[in-house]
Protein backbone atom coordinates (compact mmCIF):
# COMPACT_ATOMS: atom_id res chain seq x y z
CA MET A 1 -18.81 239.71 -137.15
CA GLY A 2 -18.85 240.30 -140.69
CA LEU A 3 -15.05 239.44 -142.97
CA LEU A 4 -12.42 241.07 -141.53
CA SER A 5 -11.01 244.54 -143.02
CA SER A 6 -7.52 244.82 -144.21
CA SER A 7 -7.01 248.17 -141.26
CA PHE A 8 -8.27 245.47 -138.61
CA ILE A 9 -5.83 243.06 -139.60
CA ASP A 10 -2.92 245.86 -139.73
CA LYS A 11 -3.53 246.89 -136.16
CA ALA A 12 -3.88 243.12 -135.25
CA LEU A 13 -0.75 242.51 -136.10
CA LYS A 14 0.92 244.31 -133.36
CA LYS A 15 -0.92 241.27 -130.76
CA SER A 16 -0.43 237.94 -131.40
CA ILE A 17 -2.22 235.94 -133.92
CA LEU A 18 -3.99 233.97 -131.09
CA LYS A 19 -5.62 236.87 -129.67
CA VAL A 20 -6.51 238.30 -133.24
CA LEU A 21 -8.32 234.85 -133.51
CA GLU A 22 -10.07 234.90 -130.03
CA LEU A 23 -11.78 238.35 -130.98
CA SER A 24 -12.45 237.05 -134.47
CA VAL A 25 -13.35 233.86 -134.77
CA LYS A 26 -16.58 232.14 -133.37
CA GLY A 27 -15.65 228.14 -133.52
CA ASP A 28 -13.47 226.92 -130.60
CA ILE A 29 -9.83 227.28 -130.56
CA LEU A 30 -7.84 224.46 -129.09
CA THR A 31 -4.41 225.55 -127.68
CA LYS A 32 -3.65 222.97 -124.59
CA GLU A 33 -1.33 220.74 -124.76
CA HIS A 34 -3.53 217.78 -124.49
CA TYR A 35 -5.53 219.05 -127.69
CA LYS A 36 -2.04 219.76 -129.75
CA LYS A 37 -0.60 216.22 -128.90
CA PHE A 38 -4.07 214.48 -130.18
CA TYR A 39 -3.81 216.82 -133.23
CA SER A 40 0.03 215.92 -133.78
CA VAL A 41 -0.94 212.54 -134.95
CA ASP A 42 -3.23 210.57 -137.43
CA SER A 43 -3.42 207.14 -138.80
CA SER A 44 0.13 207.54 -140.10
CA SER A 45 3.57 206.51 -138.26
CA TYR A 46 4.13 210.23 -138.12
CA GLN A 47 3.82 213.15 -135.54
CA ILE A 48 4.35 216.81 -135.84
CA ILE A 49 2.99 219.40 -132.97
CA PRO A 50 0.71 222.08 -133.76
CA LYS A 51 0.66 225.71 -132.52
CA ILE A 52 -2.90 226.16 -132.74
CA ILE A 53 -6.07 224.26 -133.29
CA ILE A 54 -9.47 225.67 -134.39
CA ILE A 55 -12.82 224.10 -135.05
CA PRO A 56 -14.19 226.64 -137.24
CA LYS A 57 -18.42 227.18 -136.59
CA ASP A 58 -19.24 228.08 -140.28
CA GLU A 59 -18.02 229.26 -143.51
CA ASP A 60 -17.30 233.00 -142.27
CA ASP A 61 -14.96 231.04 -139.89
CA VAL A 62 -12.79 229.67 -142.51
CA ILE A 63 -12.12 233.29 -144.61
CA LYS A 64 -11.20 235.16 -141.40
CA ILE A 65 -8.94 232.50 -140.35
CA ILE A 66 -7.33 231.68 -143.68
CA LYS A 67 -6.79 235.87 -143.96
CA ILE A 68 -5.14 236.44 -140.12
CA ALA A 69 -3.05 233.26 -141.15
CA LYS A 70 -1.89 235.01 -144.73
CA LYS A 71 -0.95 238.30 -142.75
CA PHE A 72 0.80 236.49 -140.04
CA LYS A 73 2.38 234.19 -142.53
CA THR A 74 0.76 231.08 -140.41
CA SER A 75 0.09 228.01 -141.98
CA VAL A 76 -3.05 226.18 -142.06
CA THR A 77 -3.28 223.06 -142.70
CA VAL A 78 -7.00 220.94 -142.92
CA ARG A 79 -8.31 217.76 -140.91
CA GLY A 80 -10.94 215.69 -141.28
CA ALA A 81 -11.31 212.50 -139.16
CA GLY A 82 -7.55 211.68 -138.99
CA THR A 83 -7.56 208.60 -140.87
CA GLY A 84 -4.68 209.53 -143.15
CA LEU A 85 -1.90 207.19 -143.50
CA VAL A 86 1.17 208.99 -144.54
CA GLY A 87 0.47 212.50 -142.41
CA SER A 88 -1.22 214.82 -145.10
CA ALA A 89 -3.02 216.56 -142.29
CA LEU A 90 0.32 217.12 -139.89
CA ASN A 91 1.67 220.29 -139.45
CA ASP A 92 3.52 222.90 -137.16
CA GLY A 93 0.96 225.71 -137.99
CA ILE A 94 -3.07 226.19 -137.78
CA ILE A 95 -4.99 222.71 -137.54
CA MET A 96 -8.58 223.38 -139.31
CA ASP A 97 -10.77 220.96 -138.21
CA MET A 98 -13.96 220.35 -140.12
CA LYS A 99 -16.15 218.18 -138.47
CA ASN A 100 -18.72 220.92 -137.62
CA PHE A 101 -19.40 220.69 -141.96
CA ASN A 102 -21.34 217.83 -141.81
CA SER A 103 -24.51 218.44 -143.79
CA ILE A 104 -26.44 215.91 -146.41
CA LYS A 105 -28.94 216.96 -148.78
CA LEU A 106 -29.77 214.43 -150.72
CA ASN A 107 -31.41 214.89 -154.83
CA LYS A 108 -32.42 212.11 -156.74
CA LYS A 109 -28.61 211.43 -158.79
CA SER A 110 -26.67 213.45 -156.50
CA VAL A 111 -26.10 214.61 -152.90
CA ILE A 112 -24.53 217.80 -151.69
CA VAL A 113 -22.18 216.92 -148.62
CA GLY A 114 -20.36 218.94 -146.08
CA SER A 115 -16.54 217.92 -145.96
CA GLY A 116 -16.76 217.02 -142.35
CA THR A 117 -19.56 214.61 -142.72
CA LEU A 118 -18.38 210.66 -141.64
CA LYS A 119 -18.27 208.50 -144.89
CA GLY A 120 -20.52 206.38 -142.60
CA LYS A 121 -22.97 208.60 -142.14
CA LEU A 122 -23.67 209.11 -145.79
CA ASP A 123 -23.99 205.72 -146.34
CA GLN A 124 -26.94 205.15 -143.62
CA VAL A 125 -28.30 208.34 -145.60
CA LEU A 126 -28.00 206.89 -148.75
CA GLU A 127 -28.95 203.16 -148.10
CA LYS A 128 -32.59 204.30 -146.77
CA SER A 129 -33.21 205.44 -150.66
CA GLU A 130 -31.16 202.35 -152.09
CA LYS A 131 -28.44 204.36 -153.85
CA PHE A 132 -24.93 204.09 -152.84
CA PHE A 133 -21.85 206.47 -153.70
CA PRO A 134 -19.46 204.26 -155.47
CA PRO A 135 -15.41 204.86 -153.63
CA ASN A 136 -15.09 202.89 -150.34
CA PRO A 137 -12.12 202.90 -148.27
CA SER A 138 -11.88 200.11 -145.92
CA ILE A 139 -11.76 202.52 -142.77
CA GLY A 140 -15.16 203.65 -144.67
CA ASN A 141 -17.22 204.27 -141.57
CA PHE A 142 -15.26 206.33 -139.92
CA CYS A 143 -13.04 208.96 -142.85
CA SER A 144 -14.25 212.07 -143.81
CA VAL A 145 -15.94 212.98 -146.92
CA GLY A 146 -13.55 215.75 -147.52
CA GLY A 147 -10.37 213.30 -146.20
CA MET A 148 -11.76 211.13 -149.45
CA LEU A 149 -11.84 214.29 -151.39
CA GLY A 150 -8.52 215.60 -150.53
CA ASN A 151 -6.58 211.89 -151.34
CA ASN A 152 -8.74 210.84 -153.74
CA SER A 153 -9.80 207.58 -152.09
CA SER A 154 -11.22 204.48 -153.76
CA GLY A 155 -11.44 200.96 -152.56
CA SER A 156 -12.35 198.01 -153.52
CA ARG A 157 -15.27 199.05 -156.15
CA SER A 158 -12.71 201.62 -158.33
CA VAL A 159 -11.89 198.67 -160.97
CA LYS A 160 -15.98 199.03 -162.15
CA TYR A 161 -17.08 202.59 -160.94
CA GLY A 162 -13.27 204.48 -160.33
CA SER A 163 -12.21 206.99 -157.86
CA THR A 164 -13.70 209.84 -156.03
CA ILE A 165 -12.23 211.86 -158.84
CA ASP A 166 -14.68 210.05 -160.76
CA ASN A 167 -17.55 210.73 -158.73
CA VAL A 168 -17.96 214.46 -158.10
CA ALA A 169 -19.72 216.66 -160.01
CA GLU A 170 -18.86 220.02 -158.06
CA ILE A 171 -16.58 221.29 -154.89
CA VAL A 172 -17.23 224.81 -153.26
CA PHE A 173 -13.44 225.71 -151.02
CA ILE A 174 -11.69 228.80 -149.85
CA ASP A 175 -8.51 228.94 -151.42
CA GLY A 176 -5.32 230.44 -149.97
CA ASN A 177 -6.19 234.14 -150.49
CA GLY A 178 -9.71 233.71 -148.39
CA ASN A 179 -12.02 233.32 -151.51
CA ARG A 180 -14.85 231.34 -151.77
CA VAL A 181 -14.32 229.49 -155.16
CA SER A 182 -16.99 227.08 -156.77
CA LEU A 183 -16.06 224.85 -159.39
CA PRO A 184 -16.59 224.10 -162.53
CA LYS A 185 -19.13 227.01 -161.67
CA ASN A 186 -16.50 229.88 -161.32
CA LYS A 187 -16.16 230.12 -165.18
CA GLU A 188 -13.02 232.62 -164.86
CA ILE A 189 -10.93 230.37 -162.13
CA GLY A 190 -11.59 227.86 -164.14
CA LYS A 191 -10.16 229.95 -167.28
CA LYS A 192 -7.22 230.58 -164.90
CA ILE A 193 -6.53 226.96 -164.18
CA ILE A 194 -6.92 225.74 -168.11
CA ARG A 195 -4.24 228.47 -169.01
CA ASN A 196 -1.67 227.65 -166.46
CA ILE A 197 -1.82 223.32 -167.44
CA ILE A 198 0.54 222.07 -169.39
CA VAL A 199 0.64 218.60 -169.65
CA ASP A 200 3.93 215.99 -170.42
CA ASP A 201 1.75 212.74 -171.03
CA LYS A 202 4.35 210.53 -171.42
CA LYS A 203 5.56 210.93 -167.39
CA ILE A 204 1.77 210.64 -166.34
CA PRO A 205 1.06 207.16 -164.69
CA LYS A 206 -0.70 204.93 -166.94
CA THR A 207 -2.63 203.55 -164.35
CA SER A 208 -5.95 203.16 -163.83
CA LYS A 209 -6.32 205.19 -160.71
CA ASN A 210 -3.87 207.74 -158.89
CA SER A 211 -3.66 210.02 -155.73
CA SER A 212 0.02 211.56 -156.48
CA GLY A 213 0.43 215.19 -157.52
CA TYR A 214 -2.05 217.22 -159.09
CA ARG A 215 -4.54 215.66 -161.36
CA ILE A 216 -3.85 217.92 -164.57
CA ASP A 217 -4.43 214.92 -166.62
CA LYS A 218 -7.85 215.08 -165.49
CA ILE A 219 -8.43 218.91 -166.48
CA THR A 220 -9.43 218.67 -170.39
CA SER A 221 -12.54 221.47 -170.22
CA GLU A 222 -14.00 224.09 -167.94
CA LYS A 223 -16.50 221.31 -166.95
CA ASN A 224 -13.82 219.40 -165.10
CA THR A 225 -11.50 221.79 -163.36
CA HIS A 226 -12.93 221.28 -159.98
CA LYS A 227 -10.94 217.93 -160.27
CA ILE A 228 -7.72 220.01 -159.34
CA ILE A 229 -9.03 220.09 -156.03
CA ILE A 230 -9.61 216.00 -155.61
CA GLY A 231 -5.92 214.56 -154.55
CA SER A 232 -4.34 218.06 -153.53
CA GLU A 233 -4.30 217.08 -149.75
CA GLY A 234 -5.40 220.65 -148.84
CA THR A 235 -2.31 222.28 -150.58
CA LEU A 236 -5.18 224.27 -153.06
CA GLY A 237 -8.21 225.25 -150.77
CA ILE A 238 -10.00 224.20 -147.88
CA ILE A 239 -12.94 222.33 -149.50
CA LEU A 240 -16.38 223.25 -147.66
CA SER A 241 -18.97 220.54 -149.32
CA ALA A 242 -18.93 218.67 -152.58
CA LYS A 243 -21.71 217.61 -155.06
CA LEU A 244 -20.94 213.87 -155.35
CA ASN A 245 -22.76 211.67 -157.81
CA ILE A 246 -24.73 208.44 -156.61
CA LYS A 247 -26.09 205.67 -158.04
CA ASP A 248 -28.91 202.72 -157.70
CA LYS A 249 -28.10 200.07 -155.61
CA PRO A 250 -27.15 197.04 -157.39
CA LYS A 251 -30.36 194.60 -157.21
CA LYS A 252 -28.11 191.48 -157.18
CA ARG A 253 -24.17 190.37 -156.01
CA ILE A 254 -22.29 187.26 -156.34
CA LEU A 255 -18.98 187.03 -154.71
CA PHE A 256 -16.28 184.01 -155.78
CA ILE A 257 -13.51 183.18 -153.40
CA ILE A 258 -10.70 181.92 -154.87
CA GLU A 259 -7.96 179.95 -153.82
CA TYR A 260 -4.49 179.90 -155.38
CA GLU A 261 -1.20 178.29 -154.90
CA SER A 262 1.26 180.94 -156.30
CA ILE A 263 0.74 184.71 -156.18
CA PHE A 264 2.22 184.76 -159.73
CA GLU A 265 -0.56 182.25 -160.79
CA ALA A 266 -3.02 185.17 -158.76
CA ALA A 267 -1.68 187.82 -160.88
CA LYS A 268 -1.39 186.29 -164.18
CA ASN A 269 -4.83 185.23 -163.41
CA SER A 270 -6.19 188.58 -162.85
CA LEU A 271 -5.44 189.83 -166.59
CA LYS A 272 -8.11 187.59 -167.73
CA ILE A 273 -10.47 188.32 -164.27
CA ASN A 274 -10.92 191.75 -165.51
CA LYS A 275 -11.94 191.50 -168.92
CA THR A 276 -14.67 189.90 -167.50
CA LYS A 277 -15.44 193.50 -166.02
CA PRO A 278 -16.14 192.63 -161.97
CA SER A 279 -17.52 195.43 -159.92
CA THR A 280 -14.72 194.29 -157.61
CA LEU A 281 -11.09 192.04 -157.71
CA GLU A 282 -9.24 192.31 -154.62
CA PHE A 283 -6.18 190.26 -153.85
CA VAL A 284 -4.61 188.97 -150.28
CA ASP A 285 -2.06 187.26 -148.78
CA LYS A 286 -1.12 184.24 -146.77
CA ASN A 287 -1.34 186.70 -143.66
CA THR A 288 -4.80 187.67 -143.91
CA LEU A 289 -5.15 183.39 -144.41
CA LYS A 290 -4.48 182.62 -141.29
CA GLN A 291 -6.70 185.41 -139.74
CA ILE A 292 -9.71 183.81 -141.48
CA LYS A 293 -11.78 180.67 -139.59
CA PHE A 294 -11.79 178.34 -142.72
CA LYS A 295 -10.07 175.14 -143.93
CA PHE A 296 -7.74 176.47 -146.78
CA SER A 297 -5.61 173.88 -148.74
CA LYS A 298 -2.34 173.38 -147.41
CA ASN A 299 -0.44 174.92 -150.15
CA ALA A 300 -2.93 178.06 -150.67
CA LYS A 301 -0.41 181.04 -150.26
CA CYS A 302 -3.54 184.17 -151.49
CA LEU A 303 -6.82 184.20 -152.37
CA LEU A 304 -8.79 186.95 -155.03
CA PHE A 305 -12.10 188.09 -154.15
CA VAL A 306 -14.08 188.52 -157.19
CA GLU A 307 -17.80 190.62 -157.30
CA TYR A 308 -19.99 191.11 -159.90
CA ASP A 309 -23.04 193.04 -159.86
CA GLU A 310 -24.79 192.82 -163.65
CA LYS A 311 -25.19 189.89 -165.55
CA ILE A 312 -25.04 187.78 -162.44
CA ASP A 313 -26.89 184.95 -164.57
CA ILE A 314 -23.74 184.28 -167.35
CA ILE A 315 -21.00 185.25 -164.82
CA GLU A 316 -19.80 182.04 -163.34
CA LYS A 317 -19.71 179.86 -166.60
CA ASN A 318 -17.35 182.36 -167.88
CA LEU A 319 -15.33 182.83 -165.15
CA LYS A 320 -14.82 178.79 -164.87
CA LEU A 321 -13.98 178.92 -168.39
CA ILE A 322 -10.70 181.26 -167.55
CA ASN A 323 -9.78 180.68 -163.87
CA SER A 324 -6.86 178.98 -162.87
CA GLY A 325 -7.46 179.04 -159.38
CA LYS A 326 -9.53 177.19 -156.62
CA ILE A 327 -13.05 178.40 -156.06
CA ILE A 328 -13.67 177.78 -152.41
CA GLN A 329 -16.55 180.06 -152.05
CA LYS A 330 -19.50 180.91 -154.01
CA LEU A 331 -21.40 183.87 -152.17
CA SER A 332 -24.96 185.41 -153.13
CA ARG A 333 -26.62 186.38 -149.56
CA ASN A 334 -25.53 189.25 -148.47
CA SER A 335 -24.88 188.39 -144.66
CA ASP A 336 -22.84 185.74 -146.32
CA MET A 337 -20.55 187.98 -148.55
CA ASN A 338 -19.98 190.57 -145.78
CA LYS A 339 -18.56 187.99 -143.65
CA TRP A 340 -16.31 187.69 -146.38
CA TRP A 341 -15.26 190.99 -147.15
CA LYS A 342 -14.88 192.32 -143.33
CA HIS A 343 -11.66 189.93 -143.65
CA ARG A 344 -10.70 191.29 -146.67
CA ASP A 345 -11.45 195.14 -145.20
CA ALA A 346 -9.65 193.99 -141.85
CA SER A 347 -5.87 193.08 -143.68
CA LEU A 348 -4.79 196.33 -142.77
CA HIS A 349 -6.09 195.32 -139.06
CA TYR A 350 -4.57 192.17 -139.30
CA SER A 351 -1.06 192.97 -140.77
CA LEU A 352 -0.60 195.50 -137.55
CA LYS A 353 -1.74 192.43 -135.18
CA SER A 354 0.82 190.28 -136.76
CA ILE A 355 3.65 192.91 -136.45
CA LYS A 356 5.43 193.60 -133.13
CA LYS A 357 5.30 197.70 -132.65
CA GLU A 358 8.95 198.13 -133.03
CA MET A 359 8.63 196.57 -136.37
CA ARG A 360 5.59 198.15 -137.61
CA ILE A 361 7.80 200.69 -140.47
CA PRO A 362 5.22 204.10 -141.59
CA HIS A 363 3.10 203.71 -144.83
CA ILE A 364 5.78 204.62 -147.47
CA ILE A 365 5.91 201.94 -150.10
CA GLU A 366 2.38 200.44 -149.29
CA ASP A 367 0.28 201.95 -151.88
CA ALA A 368 1.52 202.21 -155.30
CA ALA A 369 0.08 201.01 -158.43
CA VAL A 370 0.99 199.44 -162.01
CA PRO A 371 -0.94 198.61 -165.39
CA LEU A 372 -2.10 195.44 -164.25
CA GLU A 373 -0.11 193.75 -166.50
CA LYS A 374 2.78 194.85 -164.61
CA ILE A 375 1.71 193.20 -161.37
CA PRO A 376 3.80 189.88 -161.56
CA ASN A 377 7.03 192.83 -162.30
CA LEU A 378 5.66 193.95 -158.98
CA PHE A 379 5.45 191.32 -157.13
CA SER A 380 9.48 190.22 -158.30
CA THR A 381 9.87 193.32 -157.42
CA LEU A 382 8.91 192.71 -154.32
CA LYS A 383 10.46 189.49 -153.79
CA LYS A 384 14.03 190.53 -154.68
CA ILE A 385 13.59 193.32 -152.12
CA GLU A 386 13.16 190.77 -149.65
CA LYS A 387 16.14 189.13 -150.60
CA LYS A 388 18.01 191.68 -150.89
CA TYR A 389 17.50 193.69 -147.35
CA GLN A 390 16.36 190.49 -145.30
CA VAL A 391 12.85 192.17 -144.78
CA LYS A 392 9.47 190.40 -144.60
CA MET A 393 6.13 191.99 -146.49
CA VAL A 394 2.62 191.70 -146.11
CA ILE A 395 0.49 192.27 -149.09
CA TYR A 396 -3.00 192.65 -150.21
CA GLY A 397 -5.10 195.40 -152.39
CA HIS A 398 -6.81 196.59 -155.31
CA ILE A 399 -5.34 194.25 -157.72
CA GLY A 400 -7.91 194.83 -160.39
CA ASN A 401 -6.50 198.32 -160.43
CA GLY A 402 -3.07 196.92 -160.19
CA ASN A 403 -2.86 198.59 -157.01
CA MET A 404 -0.86 196.60 -153.78
CA HIS A 405 -0.40 197.53 -150.17
CA VAL A 406 2.78 196.88 -148.96
CA ARG A 407 3.85 196.82 -145.18
CA LEU A 408 6.75 196.22 -144.58
CA ILE A 409 8.43 194.14 -141.39
CA MET A 410 11.30 195.61 -139.85
CA GLU A 411 13.27 197.42 -137.03
CA LYS A 412 11.81 200.95 -137.16
CA ASN A 413 14.60 202.78 -136.41
CA LYS A 414 16.79 201.58 -139.13
CA LYS A 415 15.79 204.70 -141.27
CA LYS A 416 18.87 204.58 -143.47
CA LEU A 417 17.53 200.89 -144.67
CA ILE A 418 14.20 201.96 -144.98
CA LYS A 419 14.98 204.85 -147.12
CA ASN A 420 17.15 202.85 -149.48
CA ILE A 421 14.16 200.21 -149.99
CA VAL A 422 11.83 203.10 -150.76
CA ILE A 423 14.00 204.59 -153.34
CA GLU A 424 14.62 201.23 -155.16
CA TYR A 425 10.73 200.43 -154.92
CA PHE A 426 10.16 203.66 -156.17
CA ASN A 427 11.96 203.79 -159.15
CA ASN A 428 10.99 200.55 -160.09
CA ILE A 429 7.35 201.23 -159.73
CA ILE A 430 8.24 204.90 -161.93
CA GLU A 431 9.59 202.61 -164.69
CA ASN A 432 7.28 200.87 -164.83
CA LYS A 433 4.98 203.78 -165.72
CA GLY A 434 3.11 203.20 -161.94
CA THR A 435 2.33 205.66 -159.51
CA ILE A 436 3.72 205.83 -155.95
CA SER A 437 0.65 206.22 -154.61
CA ALA A 438 -2.82 205.04 -155.86
CA GLU A 439 -5.44 206.19 -153.45
CA HIS A 440 -3.97 207.44 -149.44
CA GLY A 441 -2.20 210.55 -151.44
CA ASP A 442 1.63 211.76 -150.98
CA GLY A 443 1.93 213.63 -147.61
CA LEU A 444 5.04 213.47 -145.54
CA ALA A 445 5.62 209.61 -147.09
CA ARG A 446 5.53 210.62 -150.58
CA SER A 447 5.95 214.22 -151.33
CA GLU A 448 9.28 214.05 -152.02
CA PHE A 449 9.07 211.58 -155.09
CA ILE A 450 6.62 213.67 -157.03
CA LYS A 451 9.38 215.35 -158.99
CA GLN A 452 10.93 212.26 -160.28
CA GLN A 453 7.47 210.73 -161.18
CA TYR A 454 6.05 213.43 -162.97
CA GLY A 455 9.21 214.96 -164.91
CA GLU A 456 10.29 218.79 -164.65
CA LYS A 457 7.65 220.06 -167.08
CA ASN A 458 4.22 218.52 -165.22
CA PHE A 459 6.32 219.71 -161.68
CA GLN A 460 6.75 223.07 -163.27
CA THR A 461 2.79 222.83 -164.37
CA PHE A 462 2.24 221.97 -160.45
CA LYS A 463 4.11 224.94 -159.21
CA LYS A 464 1.87 227.06 -161.37
CA ILE A 465 -1.67 225.63 -160.09
CA LYS A 466 -0.32 225.82 -155.98
CA HIS A 467 1.01 229.30 -156.87
CA LEU A 468 -2.28 230.18 -158.55
CA MET A 469 -4.49 229.02 -155.50
CA ASP A 470 -1.91 229.53 -152.61
CA PRO A 471 0.35 232.52 -153.61
CA ASN A 472 1.58 232.81 -150.31
CA ASN A 473 2.10 228.76 -149.54
CA ILE A 474 -0.01 228.97 -146.20
CA LEU A 475 -2.19 225.98 -147.38
CA ASN A 476 -0.55 222.55 -145.91
CA PRO A 477 3.07 223.84 -147.05
CA GLY A 478 5.67 220.62 -147.89
CA LYS A 479 2.96 218.14 -149.17
CA ILE A 480 3.19 218.05 -152.80
CA ILE A 481 5.22 220.71 -153.43
CA SER A 482 8.45 219.52 -151.43
CA LYS A 483 11.72 220.89 -151.36
CA LYS A 484 13.16 218.74 -148.91
CA SER A 485 13.69 215.30 -147.95
CA ILE A 486 10.91 214.68 -145.21
CA MET A 487 10.09 211.07 -145.45
CA ILE A 488 11.75 209.83 -142.31
CA LYS A 489 11.69 213.02 -140.56
CA ASN A 490 8.55 212.97 -138.52
CA PHE A 491 8.54 209.24 -137.39
CA ASN A 492 6.74 209.02 -134.23
C-alpha cells in the first residue's frame, strides 16, 4: 500500500485510530495488556501506560503512523532498546519500537546504521575490521544506536573522542508532518533550522559534553544541521538511520588504577591528569571499591581509572610527575584491562545491589556535569546535601568531563524531600555553568528545569525549532519543551 491520501484519512476519522492503523500498517500492532505493561516502563523508575504499540516494518510504515497520529491528534513516542534512565521513551499515546531498523553498512571511514541496531551488534561488526565507534555507554551491548542518538550518549572515552554528537555525519528521519528528511543533505530544511536559531551564549553550559535541551550551540553552518536531532529524544523526528564516523582501533593501550584517600584530592589531581590527554579518566567511590576483590589500602576512599591509547612509552613518566595518589595497577594486556573496566561499567549495578528497592530514587540528579575545575565544588555541594537532608549517595562517573553520576539513597515515598534536593542541586549546577544532563537526556526527570538552565532566549529558540519540525506536537510531547512539573509524577 502506498502513502495514505488525505481523503482516505478523513474518511477514516469516523473509525477508531486502531482500525485505521490495522488497515494501513504492515508491521505488528500490539494492544493487549501485557504488551502495554511491558512498554509502560524502561530502565528508569517511571511508568506510563501507552494506548498502542507499533513495531513498524519499514520507512513507509513510519510515515503512515505519523500521518495517522497527526490526524487523530495522538502522540507518537519512539523507543529503542528501553535502556533509558529518565523515562524518555514513555508516553500515553503510540509507542513506536524501531527494532526492525537494524541494518549495518560498513564503509572505510564510516558506517550507516539503522536506528534499531544494538550497539553490541555494531561493535561486533566493527571489531572484525579493526574499527570502533567512539561513544561507549556502560550499557553499550544492550542499548540501540537510535537511543544513543536520541540521548547524545557518550561514555568513558568521551574525554578524548567526544560524545555521539561529535561522531555523526548524517541522519535520516521522519519529521512530525510525516516528511522524510536527510540532514545535512536537505539544504532547504537546513536553512530553515539556521534561520530559527538565535543563541544566548551566556546561558549555554560551559561543559565538554551536554545532553540537555536542543544543541543549538552546535549548529554553526548548513554542514552540521543534523546535530539538532542528536539529543532531541524523539521530539523532532523519528530517526531511521545515521551515518556514523568510525576510527581505527588503537594498537596499544595502557590503564592505570590510582587510589586516593580523599575524593577532593582525586578531583584536584584530575585537573592535572586531564592535561596529559588520557583516552579515559573515570572516578568511582568507595561503594564500587567494596565490590572489587582486591586488597586496597585501609583508608582508600576512591579510585581513578586513567587510560591512554597513544604515546604509551612516555606516558608513565609524565603521569608519575603529577600523580598525587597511589598507582595500584598498571595494565597493558586487554584481558587484564577488561577485567577492571567491567568493575567500572558495573558501578550502576553495584549501586543498585547495595540499596534496598524502597530506597532507590529515580535517576533525577544523577547525570549532571560542570566544568572540570568546578568538580571540587560539586563534591562539596553533595556533601552539604547529605548532611542537610540526612541522606546518602553513591558517586561515580566521567570525571575527565566533569560528569558525575549520583545515586540518592533515601525513602522513595518522600517525594517533596526529593524535589527539594533536586532543586538545590540543579541550582548549584546551573550557577557553576554546568548542565543538568551530560549524557542520559532530560526525559520525565529533568525537562522542567531546561528553561531555568538555558534562559528565556534559548528556550524560545527551542520552541521555534520544535514548531518547525513538529508543528502539531505529536512527537514525544512533554519532553524538553515542558509546561508542567513531571519529575515525580509517574514514579513506578
